[in-house]
């Protein structure tokens, strides 16, 4: 298939029937009509809306405030920070904010969490600069604290290398079991996601298809090594391409037909189950109204064909 590179991959049985989710990932540019874009995504029938968390950048909207606003003016779409910048979001406070939004929305919030991809900006904004190993340890501690905050335990106490947390009681509890999906790209970060998280968020610019198969295997192996089923894990792919034109210009750079084929192959051959469009906003309706329905239809045909072959 045009554009998707790398060795052929076989979809593991535990992911073969997982429902696909489609959505959009917005940059928090305060000069554009972000709320209207979110309402369009809801109206178009998309499943997910992610917002990049970049508090250290000027002229950006606060991601959590924007997500809360979106939940108030939409009816069905699920939202998440994609991903929350941990060095500038203390985990206990982040847990309370996410749980509050989830309760008030009837369970429409997930949590994308990252160790912070812009150390200069984080440090300039008052956050702590951490190297790779320390950043991963802080991320692992944050996952523990957030889950403690959402639990029904009393007398909570956590003392780690990077975070401390004491509370007489937990809560508020979210309305549903919120998934914690880690935005990581390196091998050790993927290992961490497999051990402790509910999913992996990968951007196409940093994790192209030739790295997806290896990343998925690493994720699954880490989950199995921790005594977890890989079936528990979501695989979220942020589509940082250019939709449009008549000819292919490389992976995720071309007309809708190319995108339809590439996304179908990513789902079948690489185990991706959730797609977030992060391309030109002008082409967002084409993605939502043309690409997404066609991928769903093609996946239905592929799965029906597989089922028929298995029965035969």
Protein backbone atom coordinates (compact mmCIF):
# COMPACT_ATOMS: atom_id res chain seq x y z
CA UNK A 1 0.00 0.00 0.00
CA UNK A 2 1.29 3.43 -0.91
CA UNK A 3 3.04 5.27 1.91
CA UNK A 4 3.03 2.72 4.75
CA UNK A 5 6.57 1.45 5.10
CA UNK A 6 8.26 -1.18 7.15
CA UNK A 7 8.03 -4.94 7.62
CA UNK A 8 4.63 -6.54 7.35
CA UNK A 9 2.89 -6.90 10.66
CA UNK A 10 0.15 -9.26 11.71
CA UNK A 11 -2.60 -7.86 13.90
CA UNK A 12 -2.59 -9.81 17.18
CA UNK A 13 -5.87 -11.60 17.87
CA UNK A 14 -6.59 -9.55 20.98
CA UNK A 15 -6.74 -6.36 18.89
CA UNK A 16 -8.39 -7.67 15.78
CA UNK A 17 -11.95 -6.81 16.87
CA UNK A 18 -11.37 -3.71 18.98
CA UNK A 19 -13.74 -0.91 17.85
CA UNK A 20 -11.97 1.88 16.02
CA UNK A 21 -12.13 5.42 17.34
CA UNK A 22 -11.55 8.55 15.29
CA UNK A 23 -11.05 12.11 16.42
CA UNK A 24 -9.17 15.35 16.08
CA UNK A 25 -6.20 16.77 17.97
CA UNK A 26 -6.25 20.56 18.30
CA UNK A 27 -3.34 22.89 18.88
CA UNK A 28 -4.43 25.33 21.63
CA UNK A 29 -4.06 28.45 19.45
CA UNK A 30 -6.16 31.08 21.23
CA UNK A 31 -6.60 33.07 17.99
CA UNK A 32 -8.71 30.37 16.26
CA UNK A 33 -12.29 29.26 17.04
CA UNK A 34 -11.35 26.17 19.03
CA UNK A 35 -14.77 25.68 20.63
CA UNK A 36 -16.46 25.80 17.23
CA UNK A 37 -14.01 23.20 15.92
CA UNK A 38 -14.86 20.96 18.88
CA UNK A 39 -18.57 21.38 18.22
CA UNK A 40 -17.99 20.45 14.58
CA UNK A 41 -16.16 17.30 15.65
CA UNK A 42 -19.09 16.37 17.88
CA UNK A 43 -21.60 17.14 15.12
CA UNK A 44 -19.61 15.10 12.59
CA UNK A 45 -19.90 12.06 14.85
CA UNK A 46 -16.24 11.74 15.84
CA UNK A 47 -15.35 9.83 18.99
CA UNK A 48 -12.43 11.77 20.48
CA UNK A 49 -11.14 15.31 20.80
CA UNK A 50 -7.61 15.86 22.02
CA UNK A 51 -5.99 19.17 22.92
CA UNK A 52 -2.23 19.63 23.06
CA UNK A 53 -1.09 20.93 26.45
CA UNK A 54 1.50 23.67 25.88
CA UNK A 55 1.14 26.16 28.76
CA UNK A 56 4.66 27.52 28.24
CA UNK A 57 3.83 28.84 24.76
CA UNK A 58 2.46 32.36 24.34
CA UNK A 59 -0.98 32.93 22.83
CA UNK A 60 -2.20 29.45 23.71
CA UNK A 61 -5.38 28.57 25.53
CA UNK A 62 -5.16 26.55 28.73
CA UNK A 63 -5.84 22.97 27.67
CA UNK A 64 -7.84 21.89 30.73
CA UNK A 65 -10.01 25.00 30.66
CA UNK A 66 -10.67 24.46 26.98
CA UNK A 67 -11.61 20.81 27.56
CA UNK A 68 -14.07 21.78 30.30
CA UNK A 69 -15.64 24.35 27.98
CA UNK A 70 -15.91 21.79 25.18
CA UNK A 71 -17.68 19.33 27.46
CA UNK A 72 -20.24 22.00 28.34
CA UNK A 73 -21.17 22.69 24.70
CA UNK A 74 -21.06 19.16 23.24
CA UNK A 75 -23.17 16.09 23.89
CA UNK A 76 -21.29 12.93 23.01
CA UNK A 77 -17.62 13.35 22.06
CA UNK A 78 -14.97 12.23 24.56
CA UNK A 79 -12.07 14.57 25.34
CA UNK A 80 -8.50 14.29 26.57
CA UNK A 81 -5.35 16.37 26.93
CA UNK A 82 -3.04 15.01 24.23
CA UNK A 83 -0.92 15.08 26.22
CA UNK A 84 -0.92 16.78 29.63
CA UNK A 85 2.47 18.35 30.38
CA UNK A 86 3.32 16.65 33.67
CA UNK A 87 6.14 19.00 34.81
CA UNK A 88 3.62 21.87 34.83
CA UNK A 89 0.62 19.83 36.04
CA UNK A 90 1.10 18.47 39.60
CA UNK A 91 -0.39 14.97 39.46
CA UNK A 92 -2.80 15.29 42.40
CA UNK A 93 -4.24 18.56 41.08
CA UNK A 94 -4.42 17.10 37.57
CA UNK A 95 -6.25 14.03 38.89
CA UNK A 96 -8.86 16.21 40.60
CA UNK A 97 -9.40 18.37 37.49
CA UNK A 98 -9.80 15.35 35.18
CA UNK A 99 -12.11 13.52 37.60
CA UNK A 100 -14.25 16.63 38.06
CA UNK A 101 -14.70 17.02 34.31
CA UNK A 102 -15.52 13.33 33.97
CA UNK A 103 -18.20 13.47 36.69
CA UNK A 104 -19.84 16.60 35.31
CA UNK A 105 -19.86 15.21 31.75
CA UNK A 106 -21.18 11.78 32.56
CA UNK A 107 -17.93 9.98 31.83
CA UNK A 108 -16.57 11.64 28.67
CA UNK A 109 -12.93 12.24 29.69
CA UNK A 110 -9.70 10.29 29.22
CA UNK A 111 -6.18 11.31 30.24
CA UNK A 112 -3.21 11.57 27.92
CA UNK A 113 -0.07 12.16 29.97
CA UNK A 114 3.50 12.98 29.00
CA UNK A 115 6.81 13.70 30.69
CA UNK A 116 7.22 17.03 28.87
CA UNK A 117 8.68 17.34 25.39
CA UNK A 118 9.99 20.93 25.59
CA UNK A 119 12.41 21.17 28.53
CA UNK A 120 13.47 24.73 27.72
CA UNK A 121 9.89 25.97 27.72
CA UNK A 122 9.03 24.00 30.85
CA UNK A 123 12.01 25.40 32.74
CA UNK A 124 11.27 28.96 31.57
CA UNK A 125 7.71 28.57 32.84
CA UNK A 126 8.85 27.48 36.31
CA UNK A 127 8.85 23.70 35.87
CA UNK A 128 11.66 21.30 36.66
CA UNK A 129 13.93 20.10 33.88
CA UNK A 130 14.50 16.35 34.11
CA UNK A 131 16.62 14.04 31.98
CA UNK A 132 15.14 10.99 30.29
CA UNK A 133 15.48 8.49 33.14
CA UNK A 134 14.31 10.92 35.81
CA UNK A 135 11.43 12.10 33.62
CA UNK A 136 10.22 8.51 33.18
CA UNK A 137 10.43 7.89 36.93
CA UNK A 138 8.40 11.02 37.57
CA UNK A 139 5.86 9.87 34.98
CA UNK A 140 5.54 6.46 36.66
CA UNK A 141 5.06 8.12 40.06
CA UNK A 142 2.40 10.44 38.63
CA UNK A 143 0.38 7.48 37.31
CA UNK A 144 0.39 5.95 40.80
CA UNK A 145 -0.68 9.20 42.47
CA UNK A 146 -3.47 9.83 39.96
CA UNK A 147 -4.88 6.34 40.44
CA UNK A 148 -4.68 6.74 44.21
CA UNK A 149 -6.60 10.00 43.92
CA UNK A 150 -9.33 8.24 41.90
CA UNK A 151 -9.53 5.27 44.29
CA UNK A 152 -11.89 4.71 47.21
CA UNK A 153 -9.08 4.39 49.73
CA UNK A 154 -8.69 6.48 52.87
CA UNK A 155 -5.56 7.76 54.56
CA UNK A 156 -3.62 8.14 51.33
CA UNK A 157 0.11 8.62 51.57
CA UNK A 158 2.68 8.51 48.79
CA UNK A 159 6.36 9.37 49.06
CA UNK A 160 8.39 9.04 45.89
CA UNK A 161 11.57 10.40 44.42
CA UNK A 162 9.76 13.27 42.64
CA UNK A 163 6.31 13.57 44.24
CA UNK A 164 4.76 13.37 47.67
CA UNK A 165 1.06 13.06 48.32
CA UNK A 166 -0.91 12.90 51.57
CA UNK A 167 -4.69 13.04 51.87
CA UNK A 168 -7.20 11.89 54.46
CA UNK A 169 -9.40 10.50 51.71
CA UNK A 170 -9.39 10.07 47.97
CA UNK A 171 -11.62 11.68 45.41
CA UNK A 172 -13.59 12.88 43.80
CA UNK A 173 -13.95 9.62 41.92
CA UNK A 174 -14.51 9.91 38.16
CA UNK A 175 -17.78 8.76 36.60
CA UNK A 176 -16.07 5.94 34.74
CA UNK A 177 -12.71 4.18 34.74
CA UNK A 178 -10.59 6.80 33.02
CA UNK A 179 -7.86 5.53 30.76
CA UNK A 180 -4.35 6.89 31.32
CA UNK A 181 -2.60 6.88 27.94
CA UNK A 182 1.09 7.78 27.91
CA UNK A 183 2.51 9.97 25.15
CA UNK A 184 5.95 8.39 24.78
CA UNK A 185 8.18 7.61 21.81
CA UNK A 186 11.41 6.02 23.07
CA UNK A 187 11.81 2.32 23.88
CA UNK A 188 12.00 2.79 27.64
CA UNK A 189 8.94 5.05 27.62
CA UNK A 190 7.01 2.43 25.65
CA UNK A 191 8.09 -0.18 28.21
CA UNK A 192 6.68 2.05 30.94
CA UNK A 193 3.38 2.43 29.09
CA UNK A 194 3.09 -1.34 28.78
CA UNK A 195 3.79 -1.85 32.48
CA UNK A 196 1.61 0.82 34.07
CA UNK A 197 -0.66 2.64 31.58
CA UNK A 198 -3.90 1.92 29.73
CA UNK A 199 -2.57 2.89 26.32
CA UNK A 200 0.10 4.44 24.15
CA UNK A 201 -0.17 7.75 22.25
CA UNK A 202 2.28 8.08 19.35
CA UNK A 203 2.64 10.96 16.85
CA UNK A 204 3.15 9.92 13.24
CA UNK A 205 6.03 12.38 12.79
CA UNK A 206 8.11 10.64 15.48
CA UNK A 207 6.78 7.10 15.19
CA UNK A 208 6.32 6.38 11.47
CA UNK A 209 4.91 3.01 10.37
CA UNK A 210 8.33 1.38 10.20
CA UNK A 211 8.60 1.94 13.97
CA UNK A 212 5.02 1.06 14.84
CA UNK A 213 5.37 -2.71 14.61
CA UNK A 214 8.44 -2.73 16.86
CA UNK A 215 6.78 -0.31 19.26
CA UNK A 216 3.63 -2.40 19.46
CA UNK A 217 5.62 -5.57 20.13
CA UNK A 218 7.57 -3.79 22.85
CA UNK A 219 4.35 -2.47 24.38
CA UNK A 220 2.78 -5.92 24.40
CA UNK A 221 5.89 -7.61 25.78
CA UNK A 222 6.14 -5.06 28.60
CA UNK A 223 2.47 -5.56 29.47
CA UNK A 224 2.80 -9.34 29.46
CA UNK A 225 5.97 -9.14 31.54
CA UNK A 226 4.07 -7.13 34.14
CA UNK A 227 1.34 -9.77 34.26
CA UNK A 228 -1.11 -7.71 32.24
CA UNK A 229 -3.05 -8.55 29.12
CA UNK A 230 -2.00 -6.51 26.07
CA UNK A 231 -5.72 -6.47 25.18
CA UNK A 232 -6.15 -3.82 27.89
CA UNK A 233 -4.06 -1.27 26.03
CA UNK A 234 -5.26 1.38 23.60
CA UNK A 235 -3.00 2.34 20.71
CA UNK A 236 -3.61 5.99 19.76
CA UNK A 237 -1.97 7.46 16.64
CA UNK A 238 -1.80 11.21 16.02
CA UNK A 239 -2.00 11.86 12.27
CA UNK A 240 0.41 14.72 11.53
CA UNK A 241 0.08 14.72 7.76
CA UNK A 242 -1.33 16.77 4.90
CA UNK A 243 -4.69 15.69 3.51
CA UNK A 244 -5.45 16.85 -0.02
CA UNK A 245 -4.16 17.16 -3.55
CA UNK A 246 -4.29 14.61 -6.34
CA UNK A 247 -0.98 12.77 -5.96
CA UNK A 248 0.82 11.05 -3.11
CA UNK A 249 3.69 12.99 -1.57
CA UNK A 250 4.62 10.38 1.01
CA UNK A 251 3.01 8.78 4.05
CA UNK A 252 -0.12 10.71 5.13
CA UNK A 253 0.58 13.34 2.48
CA UNK A 254 -1.91 12.91 -0.31
CA UNK A 255 -5.54 12.63 -1.37
CA UNK A 256 -8.36 11.10 0.68
CA UNK A 257 -8.10 7.73 -1.09
CA UNK A 258 -4.51 7.41 0.06
CA UNK A 259 -5.46 8.25 3.64
CA UNK A 260 -8.27 5.69 3.58
CA UNK A 261 -5.89 2.95 2.48
CA UNK A 262 -3.13 3.96 4.89
CA UNK A 263 -5.39 4.20 7.93
CA UNK A 264 -6.94 0.83 7.11
CA UNK A 265 -3.47 -0.70 6.88
CA UNK A 266 -2.43 0.94 10.15
CA UNK A 267 -5.46 -0.59 11.86
CA UNK A 268 -5.11 -4.05 10.33
CA UNK A 269 -1.36 -4.40 10.09
CA UNK A 270 -0.08 -2.28 12.97
CA UNK A 271 -2.75 -2.59 15.65
CA UNK A 272 -3.77 1.08 15.76
CA UNK A 273 -7.28 1.41 17.20
CA UNK A 274 -7.63 5.18 17.70
CA UNK A 275 -6.75 7.96 15.23
CA UNK A 276 -6.50 11.68 16.00
CA UNK A 277 -6.31 14.02 12.98
CA UNK A 278 -3.80 16.83 13.54
CA UNK A 279 -3.45 18.19 10.00
CA UNK A 280 -4.67 21.37 8.32
CA UNK A 281 -7.94 22.47 10.01
CA UNK A 282 -9.31 23.41 6.59
CA UNK A 283 -9.25 19.73 5.63
CA UNK A 284 -10.82 18.51 8.87
CA UNK A 285 -14.33 18.13 7.33
CA UNK A 286 -12.84 15.98 4.57
CA UNK A 287 -11.24 13.74 7.17
CA UNK A 288 -14.39 13.49 9.28
CA UNK A 289 -16.98 13.15 6.51
CA UNK A 290 -15.06 11.33 3.79
CA UNK A 291 -12.05 9.49 5.20
CA UNK A 292 -13.51 8.21 8.48
CA UNK A 293 -16.70 6.62 7.04
CA UNK A 294 -14.70 4.98 4.25
CA UNK A 295 -12.17 3.52 6.69
CA UNK A 296 -14.97 2.17 8.87
CA UNK A 297 -16.61 0.60 5.82
CA UNK A 298 -13.35 -0.87 4.57
CA UNK A 299 -12.57 -2.29 8.02
CA UNK A 300 -16.01 -3.91 8.15
CA UNK A 301 -15.35 -5.59 4.81
CA UNK A 302 -11.88 -6.71 5.88
CA UNK A 303 -13.15 -8.18 9.13
CA UNK A 304 -16.09 -9.86 7.46
CA UNK A 305 -13.74 -11.40 4.91
CA UNK A 306 -11.41 -12.60 7.67
CA UNK A 307 -14.32 -14.11 9.59
CA UNK A 308 -15.63 -15.87 6.48
CA UNK A 309 -12.18 -17.27 5.70
CA UNK A 310 -11.82 -18.53 9.28
CA UNK A 311 -15.23 -20.25 9.16
CA UNK A 312 -14.41 -21.83 5.81
